[in-house]
Amino acid sequence: MEIPYTIFLGIYFLAVLFILVYALINLLHVMRLSRLSNHVVLVSFLFIAGTLFILFMSYHSLVKINWQQRIDWHSTINESFQEFNPL
């Protein structure tokens, strides 16, 4: 049984989408319910900049992977059991 790497990429993108939606909702609540002081603007800017930096680094790392490869579970499991087999 082979599993393509793209399945893990899809799961990763769903997690990133969930985190971005959650962060956007939190930022909208901060802007709506707090006074717009220098501290709020600075923290919001740092949060957005940090999120964009993490997304950029994630993209930069993911571009290098060959997404056409597949993981063969049977050979991986058999090899790991053979390593620990005392016989």
PDB file of N, CA and C in Angstrom:
ATOM      1  N   MET A   1       0.852  -1.181   0.000  1.00  0.00           N
ATOM      2  CA  MET A   1       0.000   0.000   0.000  1.00  0.00           C
ATOM      3  C   MET A   1       0.889   1.233   0.000  1.00  0.00           C
ATOM      4  N   GLU A   2       0.683   2.070  -0.961  1.00  0.00           N
ATOM      5  CA  GLU A   2       1.483   3.288  -1.075  1.00  0.00           C
ATOM      6  C   GLU A   2       0.601   4.506  -0.819  1.00  0.00           C
ATOM      7  N   ILE A   3       1.169   5.456  -0.106  1.00  0.00           N
ATOM      8  CA  ILE A   3       0.459   6.694   0.203  1.00  0.00           C
ATOM      9  C   ILE A   3       1.280   7.852  -0.371  1.00  0.00           C
ATOM     10  N   PRO A   4       0.665   8.715  -1.188  1.00  0.00           N
ATOM     11  CA  PRO A   4       1.417   9.842  -1.747  1.00  0.00           C
ATOM     12  C   PRO A   4       1.668  10.932  -0.700  1.00  0.00           C
ATOM     13  N   TYR A   5       2.761  11.643  -0.897  1.00  0.00           N
ATOM     14  CA  TYR A   5       3.094  12.745   0.001  1.00  0.00           C
ATOM     15  C   TYR A   5       2.032  13.842  -0.018  1.00  0.00           C
ATOM     16  N   THR A   6       1.303  13.968  -1.111  1.00  0.00           N
ATOM     17  CA  THR A   6       0.329  15.056  -1.227  1.00  0.00           C
ATOM     18  C   THR A   6      -0.778  14.963  -0.187  1.00  0.00           C
ATOM     19  N   ILE A   7      -1.029  13.772   0.337  1.00  0.00           N
ATOM     20  CA  ILE A   7      -2.023  13.645   1.408  1.00  0.00           C
ATOM     21  C   ILE A   7      -1.567  14.424   2.641  1.00  0.00           C
ATOM     22  N   PHE A   8      -0.291  14.298   2.973  1.00  0.00           N
ATOM     23  CA  PHE A   8       0.241  15.030   4.121  1.00  0.00           C
ATOM     24  C   PHE A   8       0.259  16.535   3.863  1.00  0.00           C
ATOM     25  N   LEU A   9       0.495  16.912   2.612  1.00  0.00           N
ATOM     26  CA  LEU A   9       0.446  18.328   2.252  1.00  0.00           C
ATOM     27  C   LEU A   9      -0.960  18.887   2.428  1.00  0.00           C
ATOM     28  N   GLY A  10      -1.966  18.116   2.027  1.00  0.00           N
ATOM     29  CA  GLY A  10      -3.358  18.551   2.205  1.00  0.00           C
ATOM     30  C   GLY A  10      -3.727  18.702   3.667  1.00  0.00           C
ATOM     31  N   ILE A  11      -3.297  17.750   4.492  1.00  0.00           N
ATOM     32  CA  ILE A  11      -3.559  17.837   5.932  1.00  0.00           C
ATOM     33  C   ILE A  11      -2.867  19.068   6.517  1.00  0.00           C
ATOM     34  N   TYR A  12      -1.637  19.316   6.071  1.00  0.00           N
ATOM     35  CA  TYR A  12      -0.896  20.490   6.542  1.00  0.00           C
ATOM     36  C   TYR A  12      -1.613  21.781   6.156  1.00  0.00           C
ATOM     37  N   PHE A  13      -2.084  21.866   4.909  1.00  0.00           N
ATOM     38  CA  PHE A  13      -2.774  23.078   4.471  1.00  0.00           C
ATOM     39  C   PHE A  13      -4.092  23.282   5.204  1.00  0.00           C
ATOM     40  N   LEU A  14      -4.787  22.215   5.538  1.00  0.00           N
ATOM     41  CA  LEU A  14      -6.008  22.358   6.340  1.00  0.00           C
ATOM     42  C   LEU A  14      -5.690  22.906   7.731  1.00  0.00           C
ATOM     43  N   ALA A  15      -4.601  22.431   8.334  1.00  0.00           N
ATOM     44  CA  ALA A  15      -4.196  22.939   9.646  1.00  0.00           C
ATOM     45  C   ALA A  15      -3.802  24.412   9.557  1.00  0.00           C
ATOM     46  N   VAL A  16      -3.067  24.781   8.508  1.00  0.00           N
ATOM     47  CA  VAL A  16      -2.664  26.184   8.330  1.00  0.00           C
ATOM     48  C   VAL A  16      -3.894  27.053   8.110  1.00  0.00           C
ATOM     49  N   LEU A  17      -4.843  26.586   7.326  1.00  0.00           N
ATOM     50  CA  LEU A  17      -6.064  27.355   7.087  1.00  0.00           C
ATOM     51  C   LEU A  17      -6.840  27.562   8.385  1.00  0.00           C
ATOM     52  N   PHE A  18      -6.953  26.519   9.196  1.00  0.00           N
ATOM     53  CA  PHE A  18      -7.641  26.628  10.483  1.00  0.00           C
ATOM     54  C   PHE A  18      -6.949  27.662  11.382  1.00  0.00           C
ATOM     55  N   ILE A  19      -5.629  27.611  11.445  1.00  0.00           N
ATOM     56  CA  ILE A  19      -4.880  28.541  12.297  1.00  0.00           C
ATOM     57  C   ILE A  19      -5.027  29.970  11.793  1.00  0.00           C
ATOM     58  N   LEU A  20      -4.992  30.166  10.477  1.00  0.00           N
ATOM     59  CA  LEU A  20      -5.139  31.517   9.928  1.00  0.00           C
ATOM     60  C   LEU A  20      -6.535  32.088  10.179  1.00  0.00           C
ATOM     61  N   VAL A  21      -7.563  31.274  10.035  1.00  0.00           N
ATOM     62  CA  VAL A  21      -8.927  31.750  10.308  1.00  0.00           C
ATOM     63  C   VAL A  21      -9.068  32.104  11.784  1.00  0.00           C
ATOM     64  N   TYR A  22      -8.550  31.251  12.652  1.00  0.00           N
ATOM     65  CA  TYR A  22      -8.600  31.514  14.095  1.00  0.00           C
ATOM     66  C   TYR A  22      -7.846  32.796  14.443  1.00  0.00           C
ATOM     67  N   ALA A  23      -6.676  32.999  13.844  1.00  0.00           N
ATOM     68  CA  ALA A  23      -5.891  34.205  14.108  1.00  0.00           C
ATOM     69  C   ALA A  23      -6.606  35.450  13.590  1.00  0.00           C
ATOM     70  N   LEU A  24      -7.231  35.338  12.433  1.00  0.00           N
ATOM     71  CA  LEU A  24      -7.963  36.479  11.882  1.00  0.00           C
ATOM     72  C   LEU A  24      -9.139  36.859  12.775  1.00  0.00           C
ATOM     73  N   ILE A  25      -9.854  35.876  13.266  1.00  0.00           N
ATOM     74  CA  ILE A  25     -10.971  36.150  14.182  1.00  0.00           C
ATOM     75  C   ILE A  25     -10.457  36.829  15.453  1.00  0.00           C
ATOM     76  N   ASN A  26      -9.337  36.344  15.985  1.00  0.00           N
ATOM     77  CA  ASN A  26      -8.768  36.970  17.180  1.00  0.00           C
ATOM     78  C   ASN A  26      -8.329  38.402  16.916  1.00  0.00           C
ATOM     79  N   LEU A  27      -7.703  38.654  15.774  1.00  0.00           N
ATOM     80  CA  LEU A  27      -7.284  40.021  15.452  1.00  0.00           C
ATOM     81  C   LEU A  27      -8.488  40.949  15.275  1.00  0.00           C
ATOM     82  N   LEU A  28      -9.537  40.459  14.651  1.00  0.00           N
ATOM     83  CA  LEU A  28     -10.734  41.289  14.492  1.00  0.00           C
ATOM     84  C   LEU A  28     -11.359  41.622  15.841  1.00  0.00           C
ATOM     85  N   HIS A  29     -11.349  40.664  16.769  1.00  0.00           N
ATOM     86  CA  HIS A  29     -11.876  40.942  18.102  1.00  0.00           C
ATOM     87  C   HIS A  29     -10.997  41.950  18.843  1.00  0.00           C
ATOM     88  N   VAL A  30      -9.697  41.843  18.684  1.00  0.00           N
ATOM     89  CA  VAL A  30      -8.799  42.804  19.336  1.00  0.00           C
ATOM     90  C   VAL A  30      -9.058  44.205  18.796  1.00  0.00           C
ATOM     91  N   MET A  31      -9.174  44.335  17.486  1.00  0.00           N
ATOM     92  CA  MET A  31      -9.403  45.650  16.890  1.00  0.00           C
ATOM     93  C   MET A  31     -10.781  46.208  17.252  1.00  0.00           C
ATOM     94  N   ARG A  32     -11.755  45.333  17.389  1.00  0.00           N
ATOM     95  CA  ARG A  32     -13.112  45.790  17.663  1.00  0.00           C
ATOM     96  C   ARG A  32     -13.327  46.133  19.130  1.00  0.00           C
ATOM     97  N   LEU A  33     -12.754  45.368  20.039  1.00  0.00           N
ATOM     98  CA  LEU A  33     -13.080  45.507  21.451  1.00  0.00           C
ATOM     99  C   LEU A  33     -12.047  46.277  22.272  1.00  0.00           C
ATOM    100  N   SER A  34     -10.911  46.605  21.689  1.00  0.00           N
ATOM    101  CA  SER A  34      -9.901  47.320  22.475  1.00  0.00           C
ATOM    102  C   SER A  34      -9.734  48.743  21.948  1.00  0.00           C
ATOM    103  N   ARG A  35      -9.102  49.537  22.802  1.00  0.00           N
ATOM    104  CA  ARG A  35      -8.753  50.878  22.356  1.00  0.00           C
ATOM    105  C   ARG A  35      -7.573  50.755  21.403  1.00  0.00           C
ATOM    106  N   LEU A  36      -7.557  51.529  20.357  1.00  0.00           N
ATOM    107  CA  LEU A  36      -6.449  51.470  19.415  1.00  0.00           C
ATOM    108  C   LEU A  36      -5.301  52.329  19.932  1.00  0.00           C
ATOM    109  N   SER A  37      -4.534  51.754  20.811  1.00  0.00           N
ATOM    110  CA  SER A  37      -3.355  52.435  21.320  1.00  0.00           C
ATOM    111  C   SER A  37      -2.133  51.932  20.561  1.00  0.00           C
ATOM    112  N   ASN A  38      -0.997  52.522  20.874  1.00  0.00           N
ATOM    113  CA  ASN A  38       0.236  52.124  20.202  1.00  0.00           C
ATOM    114  C   ASN A  38       0.591  50.674  20.495  1.00  0.00           C
ATOM    115  N   HIS A  39       0.298  50.216  21.706  1.00  0.00           N
ATOM    116  CA  HIS A  39       0.634  48.846  22.078  1.00  0.00           C
ATOM    117  C   HIS A  39      -0.173  47.833  21.275  1.00  0.00           C
ATOM    118  N   VAL A  40      -1.443  48.104  21.106  1.00  0.00           N
ATOM    119  CA  VAL A  40      -2.310  47.186  20.360  1.00  0.00           C
ATOM    120  C   VAL A  40      -1.873  47.115  18.903  1.00  0.00           C
ATOM    121  N   VAL A  41      -1.568  48.246  18.317  1.00  0.00           N
ATOM    122  CA  VAL A  41      -1.130  48.274  16.923  1.00  0.00           C
ATOM    123  C   VAL A  41       0.210  47.567  16.772  1.00  0.00           C
ATOM    124  N   LEU A  42       1.132  47.792  17.708  1.00  0.00           N
ATOM    125  CA  LEU A  42       2.450  47.147  17.642  1.00  0.00           C
ATOM    126  C   LEU A  42       2.343  45.636  17.782  1.00  0.00           C
ATOM    127  N   VAL A  43       1.576  45.166  18.747  1.00  0.00           N
ATOM    128  CA  VAL A  43       1.425  43.720  18.951  1.00  0.00           C
ATOM    129  C   VAL A  43       0.720  43.092  17.759  1.00  0.00           C
ATOM    130  N   SER A  44      -0.279  43.753  17.215  1.00  0.00           N
ATOM    131  CA  SER A  44      -0.977  43.222  16.037  1.00  0.00           C
ATOM    132  C   SER A  44      -0.039  43.156  14.839  1.00  0.00           C
ATOM    133  N   PHE A  45       0.770  44.195  14.653  1.00  0.00           N
ATOM    134  CA  PHE A  45       1.733  44.191  13.556  1.00  0.00           C
ATOM    135  C   PHE A  45       2.763  43.079  13.731  1.00  0.00           C
ATOM    136  N   LEU A  46       3.274  42.906  14.944  1.00  0.00           N
ATOM    137  CA  LEU A  46       4.252  41.840  15.192  1.00  0.00           C
ATOM    138  C   LEU A  46       3.635  40.467  14.970  1.00  0.00           C
ATOM    139  N   PHE A  47       2.396  40.301  15.359  1.00  0.00           N
ATOM    140  CA  PHE A  47       1.714  39.030  15.154  1.00  0.00           C
ATOM    141  C   PHE A  47       1.558  38.731  13.670  1.00  0.00           C
ATOM    142  N   ILE A  48       1.125  39.718  12.891  1.00  0.00           N
ATOM    143  CA  ILE A  48       0.949  39.530  11.449  1.00  0.00           C
ATOM    144  C   ILE A  48       2.305  39.292  10.782  1.00  0.00           C
ATOM    145  N   ALA A  49       3.324  40.044  11.176  1.00  0.00           N
ATOM    146  CA  ALA A  49       4.657  39.863  10.597  1.00  0.00           C
ATOM    147  C   ALA A  49       5.213  38.478  10.928  1.00  0.00           C
ATOM    148  N   GLY A  50       5.024  38.024  12.152  1.00  0.00           N
ATOM    149  CA  GLY A  50       5.489  36.695  12.538  1.00  0.00           C
ATOM    150  C   GLY A  50       4.768  35.596  11.779  1.00  0.00           C
ATOM    151  N   THR A  51       3.463  35.761  11.590  1.00  0.00           N
ATOM    152  CA  THR A  51       2.688  34.784  10.839  1.00  0.00           C
ATOM    153  C   THR A  51       3.143  34.733   9.384  1.00  0.00           C
ATOM    154  N   LEU A  52       3.358  35.888   8.771  1.00  0.00           N
ATOM    155  CA  LEU A  52       3.838  35.923   7.390  1.00  0.00           C
ATOM    156  C   LEU A  52       5.238  35.314   7.271  1.00  0.00           C
ATOM    157  N   PHE A  53       6.096  35.553   8.260  1.00  0.00           N
ATOM    158  CA  PHE A  53       7.440  34.971   8.255  1.00  0.00           C
ATOM    159  C   PHE A  53       7.363  33.446   8.334  1.00  0.00           C
ATOM    160  N   ILE A  54       6.509  32.926   9.207  1.00  0.00           N
ATOM    161  CA  ILE A  54       6.360  31.472   9.337  1.00  0.00           C
ATOM    162  C   ILE A  54       5.795  30.876   8.042  1.00  0.00           C
ATOM    163  N   LEU A  55       4.828  31.545   7.428  1.00  0.00           N
ATOM    164  CA  LEU A  55       4.287  31.054   6.161  1.00  0.00           C
ATOM    165  C   LEU A  55       5.341  31.066   5.058  1.00  0.00           C
ATOM    166  N   PHE A  56       6.168  32.108   5.022  1.00  0.00           N
ATOM    167  CA  PHE A  56       7.232  32.183   4.021  1.00  0.00           C
ATOM    168  C   PHE A  56       8.256  31.074   4.220  1.00  0.00           C
ATOM    169  N   MET A  57       8.678  30.851   5.462  1.00  0.00           N
ATOM    170  CA  MET A  57       9.654  29.796   5.741  1.00  0.00           C
ATOM    171  C   MET A  57       9.065  28.417   5.457  1.00  0.00           C
ATOM    172  N   SER A  58       7.795  28.250   5.739  1.00  0.00           N
ATOM    173  CA  SER A  58       7.122  26.991   5.443  1.00  0.00           C
ATOM    174  C   SER A  58       7.091  26.744   3.941  1.00  0.00           C
ATOM    175  N   TYR A  59       6.718  27.752   3.185  1.00  0.00           N
ATOM    176  CA  TYR A  59       6.708  27.637   1.729  1.00  0.00           C
ATOM    177  C   TYR A  59       8.107  27.334   1.205  1.00  0.00           C
ATOM    178  N   HIS A  60       9.093  28.032   1.726  1.00  0.00           N
ATOM    179  CA  HIS A  60      10.475  27.851   1.289  1.00  0.00           C
ATOM    180  C   HIS A  60      10.948  26.416   1.547  1.00  0.00           C
ATOM    181  N   SER A  61      10.522  25.811   2.629  1.00  0.00           N
ATOM    182  CA  SER A  61      10.902  24.426   2.945  1.00  0.00           C
ATOM    183  C   SER A  61      10.109  23.420   2.113  1.00  0.00           C
ATOM    184  N   LEU A  62       8.840  23.687   1.877  1.00  0.00           N
ATOM    185  CA  LEU A  62       7.988  22.737   1.169  1.00  0.00           C
ATOM    186  C   LEU A  62       8.260  22.696  -0.333  1.00  0.00           C
ATOM    187  N   VAL A  63       8.807  23.765  -0.889  1.00  0.00           N
ATOM    188  CA  VAL A  63       9.082  23.798  -2.325  1.00  0.00           C
ATOM    189  C   VAL A  63      10.142  22.762  -2.702  1.00  0.00           C
ATOM    190  N   LYS A  64      11.050  22.454  -1.791  1.00  0.00           N
ATOM    191  CA  LYS A  64      12.165  21.556  -2.072  1.00  0.00           C
ATOM    192  C   LYS A  64      11.771  20.078  -2.105  1.00  0.00           C
ATOM    193  N   ILE A  65      10.563  19.741  -1.696  1.00  0.00           N
ATOM    194  CA  ILE A  65      10.148  18.344  -1.583  1.00  0.00           C
ATOM    195  C   ILE A  65       9.535  17.874  -2.901  1.00  0.00           C
ATOM    196  N   ASN A  66       9.887  16.668  -3.311  1.00  0.00           N
ATOM    197  CA  ASN A  66       9.289  16.055  -4.487  1.00  0.00           C
ATOM    198  C   ASN A  66       7.952  15.443  -4.067  1.00  0.00           C
ATOM    199  N   TRP A  67       6.856  16.077  -4.460  1.00  0.00           N
ATOM    200  CA  TRP A  67       5.531  15.653  -4.018  1.00  0.00           C
ATOM    201  C   TRP A  67       4.992  14.478  -4.824  1.00  0.00           C
ATOM    202  N   GLN A  68       5.741  14.004  -5.824  1.00  0.00           N
ATOM    203  CA  GLN A  68       5.324  12.844  -6.608  1.00  0.00           C
ATOM    204  C   GLN A  68       5.717  11.531  -5.950  1.00  0.00           C
ATOM    205  N   GLN A  69       6.589  11.565  -4.946  1.00  0.00           N
ATOM    206  CA  GLN A  69       7.023  10.339  -4.279  1.00  0.00           C
ATOM    207  C   GLN A  69       5.884   9.743  -3.465  1.00  0.00           C
ATOM    208  N   ARG A  70       6.047   8.475  -3.154  1.00  0.00           N
ATOM    209  CA  ARG A  70       5.044   7.756  -2.366  1.00  0.00           C
ATOM    210  C   ARG A  70       5.740   7.028  -1.225  1.00  0.00           C
ATOM    211  N   ILE A  71       4.994   6.789  -0.173  1.00  0.00           N
ATOM    212  CA  ILE A  71       5.497   6.048   0.980  1.00  0.00           C
ATOM    213  C   ILE A  71       4.928   4.639   0.889  1.00  0.00           C
ATOM    214  N   ASP A  72       5.810   3.642   0.877  1.00  0.00           N
ATOM    215  CA  ASP A  72       5.391   2.245   0.841  1.00  0.00           C
ATOM    216  C   ASP A  72       5.343   1.733   2.279  1.00  0.00           C
ATOM    217  N   TRP A  73       4.136   1.601   2.817  1.00  0.00           N
ATOM    218  CA  TRP A  73       3.971   1.233   4.223  1.00  0.00           C
ATOM    219  C   TRP A  73       4.410  -0.192   4.515  1.00  0.00           C
ATOM    220  N   HIS A  74       4.167  -1.101   3.594  1.00  0.00           N
ATOM    221  CA  HIS A  74       4.511  -2.504   3.855  1.00  0.00           C
ATOM    222  C   HIS A  74       6.015  -2.693   4.015  1.00  0.00           C
ATOM    223  N   SER A  75       6.796  -2.144   3.120  1.00  0.00           N
ATOM    224  CA  SER A  75       8.250  -2.322   3.226  1.00  0.00           C
ATOM    225  C   SER A  75       8.797  -1.562   4.426  1.00  0.00           C
ATOM    226  N   THR A  76       8.224  -0.410   4.748  1.00  0.00           N
ATOM    227  CA  THR A  76       8.687   0.360   5.899  1.00  0.00           C
ATOM    228  C   THR A  76       8.426  -0.391   7.196  1.00  0.00           C
ATOM    229  N   ILE A  77       7.246  -0.971   7.325  1.00  0.00           N
ATOM    230  CA  ILE A  77       6.900  -1.722   8.535  1.00  0.00           C
ATOM    231  C   ILE A  77       7.735  -2.996   8.636  1.00  0.00           C
ATOM    232  N   ASN A  78       7.898  -3.710   7.517  1.00  0.00           N
ATOM    233  CA  ASN A  78       8.693  -4.936   7.536  1.00  0.00           C
ATOM    234  C   ASN A  78      10.153  -4.662   7.891  1.00  0.00           C
ATOM    235  N   GLU A  79      10.724  -3.589   7.356  1.00  0.00           N
ATOM    236  CA  GLU A  79      12.116  -3.249   7.662  1.00  0.00           C
ATOM    237  C   GLU A  79      12.285  -2.889   9.131  1.00  0.00           C
ATOM    238  N   SER A  80      11.338  -2.165   9.686  1.00  0.00           N
ATOM    239  CA  SER A  80      11.476  -1.775  11.088  1.00  0.00           C
ATOM    240  C   SER A  80      11.330  -2.978  12.011  1.00  0.00           C
ATOM    241  N   PHE A  81      10.470  -3.956  11.650  1.00  0.00           N
ATOM    242  CA  PHE A  81      10.361  -5.163  12.471  1.00  0.00           C
ATOM    243  C   PHE A  81      11.601  -6.040  12.344  1.00  0.00           C
ATOM    244  N   GLN A  82      12.221  -6.070  11.191  1.00  0.00           N
ATOM    245  CA  GLN A  82      13.423  -6.882  11.001  1.00  0.00           C
ATOM    246  C   GLN A  82      14.596  -6.317  11.796  1.00  0.00           C
ATOM    247  N   GLU A  83      14.646  -5.014  11.976  1.00  0.00           N
ATOM    248  CA  GLU A  83      15.730  -4.401  12.752  1.00  0.00           C
ATOM    249  C   GLU A  83      15.674  -4.840  14.216  1.00  0.00           C
ATOM    250  N   PHE A  84      14.477  -5.013  14.754  1.00  0.00           N
ATOM    251  CA  PHE A  84      14.324  -5.347  16.164  1.00  0.00           C
ATOM    252  C   PHE A  84      14.107  -6.839  16.407  1.00  0.00           C
ATOM    253  N   ASN A  85      14.166  -7.644  15.364  1.00  0.00           N
ATOM    254  CA  ASN A  85      13.991  -9.077  15.512  1.00  0.00           C
ATOM    255  C   ASN A  85      15.299  -9.696  16.032  1.00  0.00           C
ATOM    256  N   PRO A  86      15.285 -10.290  17.211  1.00  0.00           N
ATOM    257  CA  PRO A  86      16.533 -10.821  17.784  1.00  0.00           C
ATOM    258  C   PRO A  86      16.990 -12.117  17.101  1.00  0.00           C
ATOM    259  N   LEU A  87      16.171 -12.704  16.262  1.00  0.00           N
ATOM    260  CA  LEU A  87      16.547 -13.983  15.645  1.00  0.00           C
ATOM    261  C   LEU A  87      17.438 -13.752  14.493  1.00  0.00           C
TER     262      LEU A  87
END
